[in-house]
Amino acid sequence: MQLSWRERSAVFHDQAQDYDQWFEDSLLFAIELAAVRELQTPLDDPKIEVGVGPGRFAQALQVAIGVDPALAPLKFAQTRNIKVVQAIGEQLPFAGESAGSVFILFTLCFLAEPMKVLGECHRLLRPGGHLVLGMVPAAGAWGKALQAKKEKGHPFYRHASFYQVLQVVSRLQEEGFAVVESRSSLFQAPEELRDMEHSRPGLDEKAGFCLLVGEKR
């Protein structure tokens, strides 16, 4: 039986304090944020993040609007001057062609209907607007580590699904996006994470974090 969005988002609501606290002094957060900042594609306003959580990335990237189904993390995002909307990615409450850029940085693996969410992002964007999509490739050490957590019933990952990079590229193309930029980062193994990293151009299935920029066509 497919879980409802309330069931999928409940853990992020219930553990919002711990979720937000994780970002404090996190090397992993610093590496992932650096990768997004190293993108070369101009990203226009207004910017919306789908799956904004407590708003740490949105604040750092000057994203004005954040959407999330979990209420408690949105309260943290509000304190970071993010305009928040409680909604699901499959039904975004915005007019068509109203956004310059949309971010889905760490939400893809948690979505019940990822294709529907990508379609909604396409609808929201102006022609030539960009979707910034972050993902943990299934084939890399980080993807395998998270899959293992899922199999052990980890509260955050027990309902997650992990994808190969080329699967996501194909899905973006099916929804009307052209991938115009990509970067890969996080090449240290999870148990060996000690040093700051900077991203490399291109997509690498062995990376722990990949970014794809899709342009609306």
Protein backbone atom coordinates (compact mmCIF):
# COMPACT_ATOMS: atom_id res chain seq x y z
CA MET A 1 0.00 0.00 0.00
CA GLN A 2 1.35 3.43 -0.96
CA LEU A 3 1.95 5.72 1.99
CA SER A 4 0.21 9.08 2.15
CA TRP A 5 2.23 12.28 2.16
CA ARG A 6 1.32 12.71 5.84
CA GLU A 7 2.86 9.34 6.69
CA ARG A 8 5.98 10.06 4.64
CA SER A 9 6.53 13.48 6.18
CA ALA A 10 5.63 12.59 9.78
CA VAL A 11 9.20 11.81 10.85
CA PHE A 12 10.44 15.20 9.61
CA HIS A 13 7.70 16.89 11.64
CA ASP A 14 8.26 14.80 14.76
CA GLN A 15 12.05 15.14 14.71
CA ALA A 16 12.32 18.68 13.38
CA GLN A 17 14.59 19.85 16.21
CA ASP A 18 17.13 17.07 15.62
CA TYR A 19 16.82 17.54 11.84
CA ASP A 20 17.64 21.23 12.14
CA GLN A 21 20.43 20.71 14.67
CA TRP A 22 22.20 18.27 12.33
CA PHE A 23 23.25 21.19 10.12
CA GLU A 24 25.25 22.89 12.88
CA ASP A 25 28.97 22.57 12.15
CA SER A 26 28.25 19.83 9.58
CA LEU A 27 31.06 19.18 7.11
CA LEU A 28 28.60 17.31 4.90
CA PHE A 29 26.34 20.36 4.72
CA ALA A 30 29.34 22.56 3.88
CA ILE A 31 30.40 20.26 1.02
CA GLU A 32 26.91 20.04 -0.45
CA LEU A 33 26.31 23.78 -0.14
CA ALA A 34 29.64 24.49 -1.86
CA ALA A 35 28.62 22.27 -4.77
CA VAL A 36 25.41 24.24 -5.31
CA ARG A 37 27.29 27.53 -5.10
CA GLU A 38 29.79 26.28 -7.70
CA LEU A 39 27.08 26.00 -10.36
CA GLN A 40 27.73 28.39 -13.23
CA THR A 41 24.19 28.62 -14.64
CA PRO A 42 22.49 31.96 -13.83
CA LEU A 43 19.50 31.23 -11.59
CA ASP A 44 16.76 33.83 -11.76
CA ASP A 45 14.32 35.03 -9.13
CA PRO A 46 11.84 34.28 -7.79
CA LYS A 47 13.38 31.12 -6.36
CA ILE A 48 11.37 28.32 -4.74
CA GLU A 49 12.71 25.29 -2.87
CA VAL A 50 10.54 22.18 -2.84
CA GLY A 51 11.31 20.20 0.31
CA VAL A 52 12.75 23.20 2.12
CA GLY A 53 12.82 21.53 5.54
CA PRO A 54 14.20 23.89 8.20
CA GLY A 55 15.46 26.28 5.53
CA ARG A 56 19.23 25.95 5.97
CA PHE A 57 19.96 25.65 2.25
CA ALA A 58 17.31 28.18 1.27
CA GLN A 59 18.75 30.77 3.62
CA ALA A 60 22.31 30.22 2.40
CA LEU A 61 21.26 30.31 -1.27
CA GLN A 62 18.89 33.28 -0.90
CA VAL A 63 15.84 31.27 -1.91
CA ALA A 64 12.80 33.34 -0.96
CA ILE A 65 10.04 30.71 -0.86
CA GLY A 66 10.05 27.24 0.67
CA VAL A 67 7.54 24.41 0.34
CA ASP A 68 7.32 21.36 2.59
CA PRO A 69 4.57 18.99 3.76
CA ALA A 70 6.00 18.81 7.29
CA LEU A 71 4.84 21.73 9.44
CA ALA A 72 7.44 21.79 12.23
CA PRO A 73 10.49 22.26 9.96
CA LEU A 74 8.69 25.13 8.23
CA LYS A 75 8.59 26.97 11.55
CA PHE A 76 12.39 26.83 11.63
CA ALA A 77 12.49 28.06 8.02
CA GLN A 78 10.29 31.01 8.95
CA THR A 79 12.86 32.13 11.51
CA ARG A 80 15.34 32.28 8.61
CA ASN A 81 13.14 34.75 6.71
CA ILE A 82 11.85 32.16 4.24
CA LYS A 83 8.27 32.58 3.07
CA VAL A 84 6.87 29.13 3.76
CA VAL A 85 4.00 27.15 2.29
CA GLN A 86 2.82 23.80 3.64
CA ALA A 87 2.11 21.77 0.51
CA ILE A 88 3.23 18.66 -1.35
CA GLY A 89 5.42 18.68 -4.44
CA GLU A 90 2.81 16.81 -6.43
CA GLN A 91 0.36 19.72 -6.01
CA LEU A 92 2.27 22.98 -5.81
CA PRO A 93 -0.03 25.94 -5.03
CA PHE A 94 1.53 28.41 -7.44
CA ALA A 95 0.51 29.80 -10.81
CA GLY A 96 2.14 28.45 -13.94
CA GLU A 97 5.26 30.22 -15.21
CA SER A 98 5.61 32.10 -11.92
CA ALA A 99 9.13 30.99 -10.89
CA GLY A 100 12.56 31.78 -12.26
CA SER A 101 14.28 28.86 -10.49
CA VAL A 102 13.13 25.82 -8.53
CA PHE A 103 15.36 23.79 -6.20
CA ILE A 104 14.87 20.14 -5.20
CA LEU A 105 18.07 19.48 -3.31
CA PHE A 106 17.46 16.52 -0.99
CA THR A 107 13.87 15.58 -1.62
CA LEU A 108 13.89 13.33 -4.69
CA CYS A 109 14.49 10.12 -2.75
CA PHE A 110 11.54 10.82 -0.44
CA LEU A 111 8.93 11.53 -3.13
CA ALA A 112 6.06 9.12 -3.68
CA GLU A 113 5.53 10.37 -7.24
CA PRO A 114 8.77 11.95 -8.49
CA MET A 115 7.61 12.31 -12.09
CA LYS A 116 4.55 14.25 -10.99
CA VAL A 117 6.72 16.58 -8.91
CA LEU A 118 9.08 17.19 -11.84
CA GLY A 119 6.05 17.95 -13.99
CA GLU A 120 4.82 20.45 -11.41
CA CYS A 121 8.24 22.14 -11.36
CA HIS A 122 8.13 22.40 -15.15
CA ARG A 123 4.67 24.00 -14.94
CA LEU A 124 5.89 26.53 -12.36
CA LEU A 125 8.94 27.67 -14.29
CA ARG A 126 9.02 30.40 -16.86
CA PRO A 127 10.33 29.40 -20.30
CA GLY A 128 14.11 29.17 -19.96
CA GLY A 129 13.85 28.85 -16.17
CA HIS A 130 15.91 26.28 -14.31
CA LEU A 131 15.34 23.34 -11.99
CA VAL A 132 18.30 22.58 -9.70
CA LEU A 133 18.06 18.94 -8.70
CA GLY A 134 20.33 17.36 -6.10
CA MET A 135 20.57 13.62 -5.58
CA VAL A 136 22.53 10.85 -3.90
CA PRO A 137 23.40 8.34 -6.67
CA ALA A 138 22.37 4.79 -5.79
CA ALA A 139 25.63 3.26 -7.06
CA GLY A 140 28.00 5.31 -4.91
CA ALA A 141 29.23 4.56 -1.40
CA TRP A 142 26.85 7.12 0.08
CA GLY A 143 23.88 5.74 -1.84
CA LYS A 144 24.68 2.22 -0.67
CA ALA A 145 25.08 3.42 2.91
CA LEU A 146 21.67 5.09 2.84
CA GLN A 147 20.11 2.02 1.23
CA ALA A 148 21.50 -0.01 4.13
CA LYS A 149 19.93 2.43 6.59
CA LYS A 150 16.62 2.05 4.77
CA GLU A 151 16.79 -1.73 5.05
CA LYS A 152 17.44 -1.42 8.78
CA GLY A 153 14.34 0.76 9.21
CA HIS A 154 16.06 4.10 9.82
CA PRO A 155 13.26 6.59 10.57
CA PHE A 156 14.34 9.11 7.94
CA TYR A 157 15.18 6.64 5.17
CA ARG A 158 12.84 3.68 5.60
CA HIS A 159 10.52 4.97 2.84
CA ALA A 160 13.24 6.45 0.59
CA SER A 161 14.07 5.36 -2.96
CA PHE A 162 17.49 5.88 -4.51
CA TYR A 163 18.12 6.30 -8.22
CA GLN A 164 20.89 6.01 -10.76
CA VAL A 165 21.99 9.30 -12.29
CA LEU A 166 20.98 8.32 -15.82
CA GLN A 167 17.50 7.41 -14.59
CA VAL A 168 17.07 10.95 -13.33
CA VAL A 169 18.45 12.48 -16.53
CA SER A 170 15.88 10.49 -18.51
CA ARG A 171 13.07 11.57 -16.22
CA LEU A 172 14.03 15.21 -16.56
CA GLN A 173 14.04 14.92 -20.34
CA GLU A 174 10.65 13.20 -20.30
CA GLU A 175 9.22 16.14 -18.38
CA GLY A 176 10.54 18.73 -20.83
CA PHE A 177 13.89 19.70 -19.33
CA ALA A 178 17.27 19.87 -21.06
CA VAL A 179 20.19 19.19 -18.70
CA VAL A 180 22.47 22.18 -19.24
CA GLU A 181 24.90 21.72 -16.34
CA SER A 182 25.92 19.02 -13.89
CA ARG A 183 28.39 18.66 -11.04
CA SER A 184 29.50 15.87 -8.71
CA SER A 185 30.94 15.97 -5.20
CA LEU A 186 31.45 13.96 -2.03
CA PHE A 187 34.03 11.40 -3.11
CA GLN A 188 35.16 10.55 0.42
CA ALA A 189 33.52 7.44 1.83
CA PRO A 190 30.94 8.04 4.59
CA GLU A 191 33.20 6.56 7.26
CA GLU A 192 36.19 8.60 6.03
CA LEU A 193 34.64 12.07 5.75
CA ARG A 194 37.22 14.48 7.15
CA ASP A 195 38.12 17.09 4.53
CA MET A 196 36.30 19.86 2.70
CA GLU A 197 35.63 19.05 -0.96
CA HIS A 198 34.79 21.06 -4.04
CA SER A 199 32.65 19.73 -6.84
CA ARG A 200 33.75 18.57 -10.28
CA PRO A 201 31.95 19.24 -13.56
CA GLY A 202 29.91 16.33 -14.90
CA LEU A 203 28.02 13.40 -13.45
CA ASP A 204 29.70 10.56 -11.60
CA GLU A 205 27.65 7.59 -10.38
CA LYS A 206 30.28 6.95 -7.69
CA ALA A 207 29.89 10.41 -6.15
CA GLY A 208 27.96 10.95 -2.96
CA PHE A 209 26.15 14.00 -4.31
CA CYS A 210 25.26 15.03 -7.85
CA LEU A 211 23.61 18.19 -9.12
CA LEU A 212 21.70 18.50 -12.38
CA VAL A 213 20.42 21.78 -13.79
CA GLY A 214 17.45 21.32 -16.08
CA GLU A 215 16.34 24.16 -18.34
CA LYS A 216 12.66 24.37 -19.21
CA ARG A 217 12.14 23.89 -22.93
